[in-house]
Amino acid sequence: AVMVLFLFVVMMLDINVDRLREGFWK
């Protein structure tokens, strides 16, 4: 249930991965 829902949300949203990773090293 949870992971299938999460996969659908992740695949349907246009996530800007580069912006999410900006604070990774910080």
PDB file of all heavy atoms in Angstrom:
ATOM      1  N   ALA A   1       0.809  -1.212   0.000  1.00  0.00           N
ATOM      2  CA  ALA A   1       0.000   0.000   0.000  1.00  0.00           C
ATOM      3  C   ALA A   1       0.846   1.266   0.000  1.00  0.00           C
ATOM      4  O   ALA A   1       0.779   2.079  -0.915  1.00  0.00           O
ATOM      5  CB  ALA A   1      -0.936  -0.012   1.212  1.00  0.00           C
ATOM      6  N   VAL A   2       1.666   1.417   1.023  1.00  0.00           N
ATOM      7  CA  VAL A   2       2.390   2.674   1.200  1.00  0.00           C
ATOM      8  C   VAL A   2       3.393   2.900   0.079  1.00  0.00           C
ATOM      9  O   VAL A   2       3.458   3.985  -0.509  1.00  0.00           O
ATOM     10  CB  VAL A   2       3.083   2.697   2.581  1.00  0.00           C
ATOM     11  CG1 VAL A   2       3.930   3.943   2.733  1.00  0.00           C
ATOM     12  CG2 VAL A   2       2.053   2.611   3.688  1.00  0.00           C
ATOM     13  N   MET A   3       4.166   1.889  -0.261  1.00  0.00           N
ATOM     14  CA  MET A   3       5.203   2.088  -1.270  1.00  0.00           C
ATOM     15  C   MET A   3       4.600   2.242  -2.666  1.00  0.00           C
ATOM     16  O   MET A   3       5.131   2.985  -3.485  1.00  0.00           O
ATOM     17  CB  MET A   3       6.204   0.936  -1.242  1.00  0.00           C
ATOM     18  CG  MET A   3       7.182   1.044  -0.115  1.00  0.00           C
ATOM     19  SD  MET A   3       7.946   2.671   0.050  1.00  0.00           S
ATOM     20  CE  MET A   3       8.691   2.893  -1.531  1.00  0.00           C
ATOM     21  N   VAL A   4       3.513   1.556  -2.940  1.00  0.00           N
ATOM     22  CA  VAL A   4       2.863   1.736  -4.240  1.00  0.00           C
ATOM     23  C   VAL A   4       2.348   3.169  -4.355  1.00  0.00           C
ATOM     24  O   VAL A   4       2.536   3.840  -5.382  1.00  0.00           O
ATOM     25  CB  VAL A   4       1.734   0.711  -4.423  1.00  0.00           C
ATOM     26  CG1 VAL A   4       0.914   1.023  -5.658  1.00  0.00           C
ATOM     27  CG2 VAL A   4       2.316  -0.691  -4.525  1.00  0.00           C
ATOM     28  N   LEU A   5       1.722   3.675  -3.291  1.00  0.00           N
ATOM     29  CA  LEU A   5       1.257   5.054  -3.290  1.00  0.00           C
ATOM     30  C   LEU A   5       2.431   6.023  -3.440  1.00  0.00           C
ATOM     31  O   LEU A   5       2.376   6.975  -4.208  1.00  0.00           O
ATOM     32  CB  LEU A   5       0.489   5.345  -1.997  1.00  0.00           C
ATOM     33  CG  LEU A   5      -0.001   6.770  -1.803  1.00  0.00           C
ATOM     34  CD1 LEU A   5      -1.055   7.110  -2.836  1.00  0.00           C
ATOM     35  CD2 LEU A   5      -0.528   6.959  -0.407  1.00  0.00           C
ATOM     36  N   PHE A   6       3.512   5.759  -2.723  1.00  0.00           N
ATOM     37  CA  PHE A   6       4.688   6.620  -2.799  1.00  0.00           C
ATOM     38  C   PHE A   6       5.287   6.606  -4.204  1.00  0.00           C
ATOM     39  O   PHE A   6       5.688   7.647  -4.728  1.00  0.00           O
ATOM     40  CB  PHE A   6       5.723   6.168  -1.765  1.00  0.00           C
ATOM     41  CG  PHE A   6       6.924   7.053  -1.692  1.00  0.00           C
ATOM     42  CD1 PHE A   6       6.816   8.350  -1.243  1.00  0.00           C
ATOM     43  CD2 PHE A   6       8.167   6.586  -2.077  1.00  0.00           C
ATOM     44  CE1 PHE A   6       7.922   9.169  -1.181  1.00  0.00           C
ATOM     45  CE2 PHE A   6       9.276   7.397  -2.020  1.00  0.00           C
ATOM     46  CZ  PHE A   6       9.156   8.688  -1.568  1.00  0.00           C
ATOM     47  N   LEU A   7       5.336   5.437  -4.815  1.00  0.00           N
ATOM     48  CA  LEU A   7       5.859   5.349  -6.180  1.00  0.00           C
ATOM     49  C   LEU A   7       4.998   6.139  -7.155  1.00  0.00           C
ATOM     50  O   LEU A   7       5.517   6.843  -8.028  1.00  0.00           O
ATOM     51  CB  LEU A   7       5.936   3.888  -6.619  1.00  0.00           C
ATOM     52  CG  LEU A   7       7.249   3.173  -6.351  1.00  0.00           C
ATOM     53  CD1 LEU A   7       7.139   1.715  -6.721  1.00  0.00           C
ATOM     54  CD2 LEU A   7       8.379   3.809  -7.116  1.00  0.00           C
ATOM     55  N   PHE A   8       3.683   6.030  -7.028  1.00  0.00           N
ATOM     56  CA  PHE A   8       2.800   6.794  -7.914  1.00  0.00           C
ATOM     57  C   PHE A   8       3.010   8.293  -7.727  1.00  0.00           C
ATOM     58  O   PHE A   8       3.059   9.051  -8.694  1.00  0.00           O
ATOM     59  CB  PHE A   8       1.336   6.439  -7.673  1.00  0.00           C
ATOM     60  CG  PHE A   8       0.902   5.201  -8.404  1.00  0.00           C
ATOM     61  CD1 PHE A   8       0.397   4.124  -7.724  1.00  0.00           C
ATOM     62  CD2 PHE A   8       1.013   5.126  -9.782  1.00  0.00           C
ATOM     63  CE1 PHE A   8       0.003   2.981  -8.394  1.00  0.00           C
ATOM     64  CE2 PHE A   8       0.619   3.998 -10.462  1.00  0.00           C
ATOM     65  CZ  PHE A   8       0.113   2.922  -9.771  1.00  0.00           C
ATOM     66  N   VAL A   9       3.137   8.743  -6.479  1.00  0.00           N
ATOM     67  CA  VAL A   9       3.333  10.171  -6.216  1.00  0.00           C
ATOM     68  C   VAL A   9       4.665  10.637  -6.788  1.00  0.00           C
ATOM     69  O   VAL A   9       4.753  11.684  -7.431  1.00  0.00           O
ATOM     70  CB  VAL A   9       3.234  10.452  -4.701  1.00  0.00           C
ATOM     71  CG1 VAL A   9       3.697  11.859  -4.378  1.00  0.00           C
ATOM     72  CG2 VAL A   9       1.821  10.250  -4.215  1.00  0.00           C
ATOM     73  N   VAL A  10       5.723   9.852  -6.571  1.00  0.00           N
ATOM     74  CA  VAL A  10       7.045  10.242  -7.071  1.00  0.00           C
ATOM     75  C   VAL A  10       7.061  10.268  -8.592  1.00  0.00           C
ATOM     76  O   VAL A  10       7.641  11.163  -9.212  1.00  0.00           O
ATOM     77  CB  VAL A  10       8.121   9.279  -6.520  1.00  0.00           C
ATOM     78  CG1 VAL A  10       9.423   9.436  -7.265  1.00  0.00           C
ATOM     79  CG2 VAL A  10       8.339   9.538  -5.045  1.00  0.00           C
ATOM     80  N   MET A  11       6.402   9.298  -9.223  1.00  0.00           N
ATOM     81  CA  MET A  11       6.423   9.243 -10.680  1.00  0.00           C
ATOM     82  C   MET A  11       5.535  10.318 -11.305  1.00  0.00           C
ATOM     83  O   MET A  11       5.798  10.761 -12.422  1.00  0.00           O
ATOM     84  CB  MET A  11       6.002   7.853 -11.161  1.00  0.00           C
ATOM     85  CG  MET A  11       7.016   6.784 -10.804  1.00  0.00           C
ATOM     86  SD  MET A  11       6.447   5.129 -11.117  1.00  0.00           S
ATOM     87  CE  MET A  11       6.471   5.072 -12.874  1.00  0.00           C
ATOM     88  N   MET A  12       4.484  10.739 -10.612  1.00  0.00           N
ATOM     89  CA  MET A  12       3.587  11.731 -11.185  1.00  0.00           C
ATOM     90  C   MET A  12       4.067  13.155 -10.957  1.00  0.00           C
ATOM     91  O   MET A  12       3.762  14.041 -11.740  1.00  0.00           O
ATOM     92  CB  MET A  12       2.179  11.562 -10.603  1.00  0.00           C
ATOM     93  CG  MET A  12       1.472  10.352 -11.167  1.00  0.00           C
ATOM     94  SD  MET A  12      -0.119   9.944 -10.455  1.00  0.00           S
ATOM     95  CE  MET A  12      -0.799  11.425  -9.900  1.00  0.00           C
ATOM     96  N   LEU A  13       4.823  13.391  -9.883  1.00  0.00           N
ATOM     97  CA  LEU A  13       5.299  14.737  -9.609  1.00  0.00           C
ATOM     98  C   LEU A  13       6.563  15.013 -10.417  1.00  0.00           C
ATOM     99  O   LEU A  13       7.386  14.127 -10.644  1.00  0.00           O
ATOM    100  CB  LEU A  13       5.612  14.902  -8.118  1.00  0.00           C
ATOM    101  CG  LEU A  13       4.426  14.864  -7.175  1.00  0.00           C
ATOM    102  CD1 LEU A  13       4.902  14.981  -5.747  1.00  0.00           C
ATOM    103  CD2 LEU A  13       3.459  15.981  -7.482  1.00  0.00           C
ATOM    104  N   ASP A  14       6.726  16.242 -10.810  1.00  0.00           N
ATOM    105  CA  ASP A  14       7.941  16.648 -11.506  1.00  0.00           C
ATOM    106  C   ASP A  14       8.893  17.225 -10.452  1.00  0.00           C
ATOM    107  O   ASP A  14       8.880  18.416 -10.157  1.00  0.00           O
ATOM    108  CB  ASP A  14       7.614  17.688 -12.576  1.00  0.00           C
ATOM    109  CG  ASP A  14       8.815  18.016 -13.423  1.00  0.00           C
ATOM    110  OD1 ASP A  14       9.765  17.210 -13.417  1.00  0.00           O
ATOM    111  OD2 ASP A  14       8.812  19.073 -14.068  1.00  0.00           O
ATOM    112  N   ILE A  15       9.712  16.344  -9.877  1.00  0.00           N
ATOM    113  CA  ILE A  15      10.581  16.744  -8.776  1.00  0.00           C
ATOM    114  C   ILE A  15      11.899  17.248  -9.335  1.00  0.00           C
ATOM    115  O   ILE A  15      12.537  16.578 -10.152  1.00  0.00           O
ATOM    116  CB  ILE A  15      10.818  15.568  -7.815  1.00  0.00           C
ATOM    117  CG1 ILE A  15       9.494  15.129  -7.202  1.00  0.00           C
ATOM    118  CG2 ILE A  15      11.802  15.938  -6.731  1.00  0.00           C
ATOM    119  CD1 ILE A  15       9.595  13.895  -6.356  1.00  0.00           C
ATOM    120  N   ASN A  16      12.329  18.410  -8.872  1.00  0.00           N
ATOM    121  CA  ASN A  16      13.622  18.953  -9.252  1.00  0.00           C
ATOM    122  C   ASN A  16      14.670  18.351  -8.318  1.00  0.00           C
ATOM    123  O   ASN A  16      14.865  18.822  -7.199  1.00  0.00           O
ATOM    124  CB  ASN A  16      13.607  20.482  -9.150  1.00  0.00           C
ATOM    125  CG  ASN A  16      14.851  21.098  -9.728  1.00  0.00           C
ATOM    126  OD1 ASN A  16      15.761  20.393 -10.172  1.00  0.00           O
ATOM    127  ND2 ASN A  16      14.905  22.420  -9.737  1.00  0.00           N
ATOM    128  N   VAL A  17      15.342  17.305  -8.786  1.00  0.00           N
ATOM    129  CA  VAL A  17      16.270  16.557  -7.946  1.00  0.00           C
ATOM    130  C   VAL A  17      17.490  17.409  -7.604  1.00  0.00           C
ATOM    131  O   VAL A  17      18.007  17.339  -6.481  1.00  0.00           O
ATOM    132  CB  VAL A  17      16.687  15.252  -8.657  1.00  0.00           C
ATOM    133  CG1 VAL A  17      17.659  14.470  -7.810  1.00  0.00           C
ATOM    134  CG2 VAL A  17      15.465  14.415  -8.964  1.00  0.00           C
ATOM    135  N   ASP A  18      17.957  18.217  -8.523  1.00  0.00           N
ATOM    136  CA  ASP A  18      19.142  19.035  -8.260  1.00  0.00           C
ATOM    137  C   ASP A  18      18.896  20.027  -7.128  1.00  0.00           C
ATOM    138  O   ASP A  18      19.775  20.265  -6.301  1.00  0.00           O
ATOM    139  CB  ASP A  18      19.546  19.793  -9.527  1.00  0.00           C
ATOM    140  CG  ASP A  18      19.996  18.848 -10.627  1.00  0.00           C
ATOM    141  OD1 ASP A  18      20.512  17.759 -10.281  1.00  0.00           O
ATOM    142  OD2 ASP A  18      19.820  19.173 -11.814  1.00  0.00           O
ATOM    143  N   ARG A  19      17.690  20.582  -7.093  1.00  0.00           N
ATOM    144  CA  ARG A  19      17.365  21.522  -6.014  1.00  0.00           C
ATOM    145  C   ARG A  19      17.278  20.811  -4.667  1.00  0.00           C
ATOM    146  O   ARG A  19      17.644  21.372  -3.634  1.00  0.00           O
ATOM    147  CB  ARG A  19      16.041  22.211  -6.336  1.00  0.00           C
ATOM    148  CG  ARG A  19      15.701  23.298  -5.374  1.00  0.00           C
ATOM    149  CD  ARG A  19      14.473  24.046  -5.812  1.00  0.00           C
ATOM    150  NE  ARG A  19      13.992  24.847  -4.708  1.00  0.00           N
ATOM    151  CZ  ARG A  19      12.733  25.113  -4.488  1.00  0.00           C
ATOM    152  NH1 ARG A  19      11.815  24.663  -5.288  1.00  0.00           N
ATOM    153  NH2 ARG A  19      12.369  25.845  -3.477  1.00  0.00           N
ATOM    154  N   LEU A  20      16.791  19.570  -4.662  1.00  0.00           N
ATOM    155  CA  LEU A  20      16.703  18.819  -3.414  1.00  0.00           C
ATOM    156  C   LEU A  20      18.074  18.455  -2.874  1.00  0.00           C
ATOM    157  O   LEU A  20      18.269  18.338  -1.668  1.00  0.00           O
ATOM    158  CB  LEU A  20      15.892  17.539  -3.624  1.00  0.00           C
ATOM    159  CG  LEU A  20      14.395  17.704  -3.832  1.00  0.00           C
ATOM    160  CD1 LEU A  20      13.758  16.363  -4.131  1.00  0.00           C
ATOM    161  CD2 LEU A  20      13.752  18.314  -2.610  1.00  0.00           C
ATOM    162  N   ARG A  21      19.042  18.280  -3.756  1.00  0.00           N
ATOM    163  CA  ARG A  21      20.376  17.844  -3.332  1.00  0.00           C
ATOM    164  C   ARG A  21      21.312  19.002  -3.011  1.00  0.00           C
ATOM    165  O   ARG A  21      22.474  18.775  -2.700  1.00  0.00           O
ATOM    166  CB  ARG A  21      20.999  16.980  -4.414  1.00  0.00           C
ATOM    167  CG  ARG A  21      20.237  15.686  -4.620  1.00  0.00           C
ATOM    168  CD  ARG A  21      21.060  14.692  -5.393  1.00  0.00           C
ATOM    169  NE  ARG A  21      20.344  13.446  -5.523  1.00  0.00           N
ATOM    170  CZ  ARG A  21      20.382  12.476  -4.632  1.00  0.00           C
ATOM    171  NH1 ARG A  21      21.097  12.594  -3.560  1.00  0.00           N
ATOM    172  NH2 ARG A  21      19.712  11.360  -4.830  1.00  0.00           N
ATOM    173  N   GLU A  22      20.825  20.231  -3.074  1.00  0.00           N
ATOM    174  CA  GLU A  22      21.700  21.366  -2.813  1.00  0.00           C
ATOM    175  C   GLU A  22      22.260  21.351  -1.398  1.00  0.00           C
ATOM    176  O   GLU A  22      23.420  21.668  -1.182  1.00  0.00           O
ATOM    177  CB  GLU A  22      20.941  22.674  -3.058  1.00  0.00           C
ATOM    178  CG  GLU A  22      20.751  22.995  -4.512  1.00  0.00           C
ATOM    179  CD  GLU A  22      19.912  24.237  -4.718  1.00  0.00           C
ATOM    180  OE1 GLU A  22      19.456  24.823  -3.710  1.00  0.00           O
ATOM    181  OE2 GLU A  22      19.705  24.622  -5.875  1.00  0.00           O
ATOM    182  N   GLY A  23      21.456  20.991  -0.410  1.00  0.00           N
ATOM    183  CA  GLY A  23      21.911  21.014   0.979  1.00  0.00           C
ATOM    184  C   GLY A  23      22.440  19.696   1.483  1.00  0.00           C
ATOM    185  O   GLY A  23      22.616  19.528   2.689  1.00  0.00           O
ATOM    186  N   PHE A  24      22.711  18.734   0.569  1.00  0.00           N
ATOM    187  CA  PHE A  24      23.137  17.401   0.999  1.00  0.00           C
ATOM    188  C   PHE A  24      24.453  17.454   1.756  1.00  0.00           C
ATOM    189  O   PHE A  24      24.576  16.921   2.857  1.00  0.00           O
ATOM    190  CB  PHE A  24      23.252  16.480  -0.215  1.00  0.00           C
ATOM    191  CG  PHE A  24      23.722  15.093   0.119  1.00  0.00           C
ATOM    192  CD1 PHE A  24      22.862  14.180   0.691  1.00  0.00           C
ATOM    193  CD2 PHE A  24      25.034  14.707  -0.118  1.00  0.00           C
ATOM    194  CE1 PHE A  24      23.277  12.903   1.005  1.00  0.00           C
ATOM    195  CE2 PHE A  24      25.461  13.441   0.188  1.00  0.00           C
ATOM    196  CZ  PHE A  24      24.583  12.534   0.753  1.00  0.00           C
ATOM    197  N   TRP A  25      25.467  18.106   1.193  1.00  0.00           N
ATOM    198  CA  TRP A  25      26.791  18.130   1.823  1.00  0.00           C
ATOM    199  C   TRP A  25      26.789  19.001   3.070  1.00  0.00           C
ATOM    200  O   TRP A  25      27.588  18.781   3.987  1.00  0.00           O
ATOM    201  CB  TRP A  25      27.838  18.619   0.834  1.00  0.00           C
ATOM    202  CG  TRP A  25      28.013  17.661  -0.300  1.00  0.00           C
ATOM    203  CD1 TRP A  25      27.622  17.841  -1.585  1.00  0.00           C
ATOM    204  CD2 TRP A  25      28.588  16.356  -0.234  1.00  0.00           C
ATOM    205  NE1 TRP A  25      27.917  16.731  -2.335  1.00  0.00           N
ATOM    206  CE2 TRP A  25      28.523  15.796  -1.522  1.00  0.00           C
ATOM    207  CE3 TRP A  25      29.151  15.600   0.785  1.00  0.00           C
ATOM    208  CZ2 TRP A  25      28.994  14.534  -1.821  1.00  0.00           C
ATOM    209  CZ3 TRP A  25      29.627  14.339   0.498  1.00  0.00           C
ATOM    210  CH2 TRP A  25      29.542  13.807  -0.785  1.00  0.00           C
ATOM    211  N   LYS A  26      25.885  19.959   3.115  1.00  0.00           N
ATOM    212  CA  LYS A  26      25.815  20.835   4.282  1.00  0.00           C
ATOM    213  C   LYS A  26      25.332  20.077   5.518  1.00  0.00           C
ATOM    214  O   LYS A  26      25.816  20.301   6.622  1.00  0.00           O
ATOM    215  CB  LYS A  26      24.872  21.999   3.956  1.00  0.00           C
ATOM    216  CG  LYS A  26      24.760  23.041   5.040  1.00  0.00           C
ATOM    217  CD  LYS A  26      23.971  24.217   4.502  1.00  0.00           C
ATOM    218  CE  LYS A  26      22.853  24.557   5.424  1.00  0.00           C
ATOM    219  NZ  LYS A  26      22.033  25.658   4.987  1.00  0.00           N
TER     220      LYS A  26
END
